[in-house]
Amino acid sequence: MYQFSYAEIMEDGVADAKERERQALDRSIVLLVAARDEPSYSRMTVEAVFYTRRVWIRFIEDLRQPDNELATELRADLISIAIWILKECEKIRKRQSENFQGIIDVTTIIRDGLK
């Protein structure tokens, strides 16, 4: 039988959470790339925008929690990035923009930072 220390369990929990965050961002990127490559506003665009919004809204909710262990300044920076992404998604939804690549690039940078 294996016995794990609390620190080991918590370390695994953080690693698992980061992996889930990476997977959510990967999925967002895949959907955004597919929407970007469509000839016009399509069902894929709706799905990509909807999914991306859900991911970033959830990140904001998590970052706002008092028990979030990230540094306050980093949390504020990530919330600012999330707000920008949400605004860009709204512009795409309203057909005022096609800035998929900007969202893809920023999301890729954030995803790659989750190591």
C-alpha atoms as a PDB file:
ATOM      1  CA  MET A   1       0.000   0.000   0.000  1.00  0.00           C
ATOM      2  CA  TYR A   2       1.272   3.440  -0.898  1.00  0.00           C
ATOM      3  CA  GLN A   3       1.129   6.399   1.434  1.00  0.00           C
ATOM      4  CA  PHE A   4       1.361   9.893   0.046  1.00  0.00           C
ATOM      5  CA  SER A   5       2.108  13.053   1.907  1.00  0.00           C
ATOM      6  CA  TYR A   6      -0.353  15.934   1.745  1.00  0.00           C
ATOM      7  CA  ALA A   7       2.247  17.914  -0.238  1.00  0.00           C
ATOM      8  CA  GLU A   8       2.486  15.130  -2.835  1.00  0.00           C
ATOM      9  CA  ILE A   9      -1.297  14.969  -3.178  1.00  0.00           C
ATOM     10  CA  MET A  10      -1.540  18.749  -3.510  1.00  0.00           C
ATOM     11  CA  GLU A  11       1.263  18.748  -6.096  1.00  0.00           C
ATOM     12  CA  ASP A  12      -0.648  16.158  -8.131  1.00  0.00           C
ATOM     13  CA  GLY A  13      -3.818  18.241  -7.778  1.00  0.00           C
ATOM     14  CA  VAL A  14      -2.088  21.338  -9.144  1.00  0.00           C
ATOM     15  CA  ALA A  15      -0.511  19.353 -11.986  1.00  0.00           C
ATOM     16  CA  ASP A  16      -3.896  17.837 -12.872  1.00  0.00           C
ATOM     17  CA  ALA A  17      -5.562  21.265 -12.796  1.00  0.00           C
ATOM     18  CA  LYS A  18      -2.897  22.722 -15.101  1.00  0.00           C
ATOM     19  CA  GLU A  19      -3.328  19.803 -17.486  1.00  0.00           C
ATOM     20  CA  ARG A  20      -7.100  20.353 -17.595  1.00  0.00           C
ATOM     21  CA  GLU A  21      -6.524  24.060 -18.249  1.00  0.00           C
ATOM     22  CA  ARG A  22      -4.105  23.214 -21.075  1.00  0.00           C
ATOM     23  CA  GLN A  23      -6.660  20.826 -22.576  1.00  0.00           C
ATOM     24  CA  ALA A  24      -9.406  23.469 -22.412  1.00  0.00           C
ATOM     25  CA  LEU A  25      -7.146  26.018 -24.102  1.00  0.00           C
ATOM     26  CA  ASP A  26      -6.083  23.436 -26.712  1.00  0.00           C
ATOM     27  CA  ARG A  27      -9.731  22.794 -27.553  1.00  0.00           C
ATOM     28  CA  SER A  28     -10.398  26.517 -27.808  1.00  0.00           C
ATOM     29  CA  ILE A  29      -7.455  26.928 -30.183  1.00  0.00           C
ATOM     30  CA  VAL A  30      -8.597  24.026 -32.368  1.00  0.00           C
ATOM     31  CA  LEU A  31     -12.105  25.474 -32.628  1.00  0.00           C
ATOM     32  CA  LEU A  32     -10.826  28.988 -33.343  1.00  0.00           C
ATOM     33  CA  VAL A  33      -8.511  27.720 -36.093  1.00  0.00           C
ATOM     34  CA  ALA A  34     -11.395  25.804 -37.688  1.00  0.00           C
ATOM     35  CA  ALA A  35     -13.624  28.897 -37.500  1.00  0.00           C
ATOM     36  CA  ARG A  36     -10.863  31.116 -38.893  1.00  0.00           C
ATOM     37  CA  ASP A  37     -10.493  28.786 -41.867  1.00  0.00           C
ATOM     38  CA  GLU A  38     -14.215  28.793 -42.725  1.00  0.00           C
ATOM     39  CA  PRO A  39     -15.098  30.979 -45.724  1.00  0.00           C
ATOM     40  CA  SER A  40     -17.694  32.945 -43.753  1.00  0.00           C
ATOM     41  CA  TYR A  41     -19.469  33.239 -40.419  1.00  0.00           C
ATOM     42  CA  SER A  42     -20.665  29.708 -39.725  1.00  0.00           C
ATOM     43  CA  ARG A  43     -21.817  27.279 -37.095  1.00  0.00           C
ATOM     44  CA  MET A  44     -18.128  26.617 -36.392  1.00  0.00           C
ATOM     45  CA  THR A  45     -17.688  30.315 -35.605  1.00  0.00           C
ATOM     46  CA  VAL A  46     -20.579  30.194 -33.132  1.00  0.00           C
ATOM     47  CA  GLU A  47     -19.168  27.071 -31.481  1.00  0.00           C
ATOM     48  CA  ALA A  48     -15.628  28.486 -31.276  1.00  0.00           C
ATOM     49  CA  VAL A  49     -16.768  31.805 -29.820  1.00  0.00           C
ATOM     50  CA  PHE A  50     -19.154  30.160 -27.352  1.00  0.00           C
ATOM     51  CA  TYR A  51     -16.571  27.661 -26.124  1.00  0.00           C
ATOM     52  CA  THR A  52     -13.785  30.250 -25.894  1.00  0.00           C
ATOM     53  CA  ARG A  53     -16.021  32.595 -23.912  1.00  0.00           C
ATOM     54  CA  ARG A  54     -16.934  29.823 -21.464  1.00  0.00           C
ATOM     55  CA  VAL A  55     -13.277  28.936 -20.903  1.00  0.00           C
ATOM     56  CA  TRP A  56     -12.179  32.511 -20.244  1.00  0.00           C
ATOM     57  CA  ILE A  57     -15.183  33.341 -18.070  1.00  0.00           C
ATOM     58  CA  ARG A  58     -14.323  30.302 -15.957  1.00  0.00           C
ATOM     59  CA  PHE A  59     -10.698  31.444 -15.731  1.00  0.00           C
ATOM     60  CA  ILE A  60     -11.836  34.883 -14.530  1.00  0.00           C
ATOM     61  CA  GLU A  61     -14.036  33.258 -11.905  1.00  0.00           C
ATOM     62  CA  ASP A  62     -11.099  31.179 -10.690  1.00  0.00           C
ATOM     63  CA  LEU A  63      -8.657  34.091 -10.727  1.00  0.00           C
ATOM     64  CA  ARG A  64     -11.026  36.207  -8.630  1.00  0.00           C
ATOM     65  CA  GLN A  65     -11.158  33.646  -5.824  1.00  0.00           C
ATOM     66  CA  PRO A  66      -9.343  34.776  -2.670  1.00  0.00           C
ATOM     67  CA  ASP A  67      -7.751  31.342  -2.270  1.00  0.00           C
ATOM     68  CA  ASN A  68      -6.151  31.466  -5.733  1.00  0.00           C
ATOM     69  CA  GLU A  69      -2.426  31.105  -5.064  1.00  0.00           C
ATOM     70  CA  LEU A  70      -1.138  33.088  -8.040  1.00  0.00           C
ATOM     71  CA  ALA A  71       0.489  36.437  -7.308  1.00  0.00           C
ATOM     72  CA  THR A  72      -1.997  39.307  -7.252  1.00  0.00           C
ATOM     73  CA  GLU A  73      -0.314  41.138 -10.136  1.00  0.00           C
ATOM     74  CA  LEU A  74      -0.263  38.011 -12.318  1.00  0.00           C
ATOM     75  CA  ARG A  75      -3.931  37.361 -11.556  1.00  0.00           C
ATOM     76  CA  ALA A  76      -4.777  40.946 -12.546  1.00  0.00           C
ATOM     77  CA  ASP A  77      -2.793  40.611 -15.783  1.00  0.00           C
ATOM     78  CA  LEU A  78      -4.543  37.347 -16.664  1.00  0.00           C
ATOM     79  CA  ILE A  79      -7.953  38.859 -15.940  1.00  0.00           C
ATOM     80  CA  SER A  80      -7.085  41.783 -18.244  1.00  0.00           C
ATOM     81  CA  ILE A  81      -6.106  39.343 -20.983  1.00  0.00           C
ATOM     82  CA  ALA A  82      -9.323  37.391 -20.445  1.00  0.00           C
ATOM     83  CA  ILE A  83     -11.400  40.569 -20.719  1.00  0.00           C
ATOM     84  CA  TRP A  84      -9.660  41.437 -23.989  1.00  0.00           C
ATOM     85  CA  ILE A  85     -10.379  37.957 -25.351  1.00  0.00           C
ATOM     86  CA  LEU A  86     -14.028  38.220 -24.300  1.00  0.00           C
ATOM     87  CA  LYS A  87     -14.313  41.595 -26.060  1.00  0.00           C
ATOM     88  CA  GLU A  88     -12.746  40.164 -29.217  1.00  0.00           C
ATOM     89  CA  CYS A  89     -15.130  37.207 -29.085  1.00  0.00           C
ATOM     90  CA  GLU A  90     -18.051  39.603 -28.812  1.00  0.00           C
ATOM     91  CA  LYS A  91     -16.821  41.566 -31.848  1.00  0.00           C
ATOM     92  CA  ILE A  92     -16.597  38.322 -33.813  1.00  0.00           C
ATOM     93  CA  ARG A  93     -20.059  37.295 -32.637  1.00  0.00           C
ATOM     94  CA  LYS A  94     -21.450  40.638 -33.815  1.00  0.00           C
ATOM     95  CA  ARG A  95     -19.561  40.222 -37.097  1.00  0.00           C
ATOM     96  CA  GLN A  96     -17.555  43.368 -36.422  1.00  0.00           C
ATOM     97  CA  SER A  97     -14.231  41.527 -36.487  1.00  0.00           C
ATOM     98  CA  GLU A  98     -12.506  38.401 -37.738  1.00  0.00           C
ATOM     99  CA  ASN A  99      -9.628  38.559 -35.262  1.00  0.00           C
ATOM    100  CA  PHE A 100      -9.451  34.830 -34.703  1.00  0.00           C
ATOM    101  CA  GLN A 101      -5.673  34.872 -35.098  1.00  0.00           C
ATOM    102  CA  GLY A 102      -5.177  37.418 -32.327  1.00  0.00           C
ATOM    103  CA  ILE A 103      -7.182  35.282 -29.912  1.00  0.00           C
ATOM    104  CA  ILE A 104      -5.381  32.141 -31.091  1.00  0.00           C
ATOM    105  CA  ASP A 105      -1.964  33.749 -30.566  1.00  0.00           C
ATOM    106  CA  VAL A 106      -2.718  35.025 -27.064  1.00  0.00           C
ATOM    107  CA  THR A 107      -4.382  31.767 -26.029  1.00  0.00           C
ATOM    108  CA  THR A 108      -1.389  29.805 -27.325  1.00  0.00           C
ATOM    109  CA  ILE A 109       1.004  31.943 -25.272  1.00  0.00           C
ATOM    110  CA  ILE A 110      -1.082  31.433 -22.121  1.00  0.00           C
ATOM    111  CA  ARG A 111      -1.400  27.684 -22.774  1.00  0.00           C
ATOM    112  CA  ASP A 112       2.342  27.332 -23.307  1.00  0.00           C
ATOM    113  CA  GLY A 113       2.950  29.121 -20.014  1.00  0.00           C
ATOM    114  CA  LEU A 114       1.027  26.439 -18.101  1.00  0.00           C
ATOM    115  CA  LYS A 115       3.980  24.160 -17.473  1.00  0.00           C
END
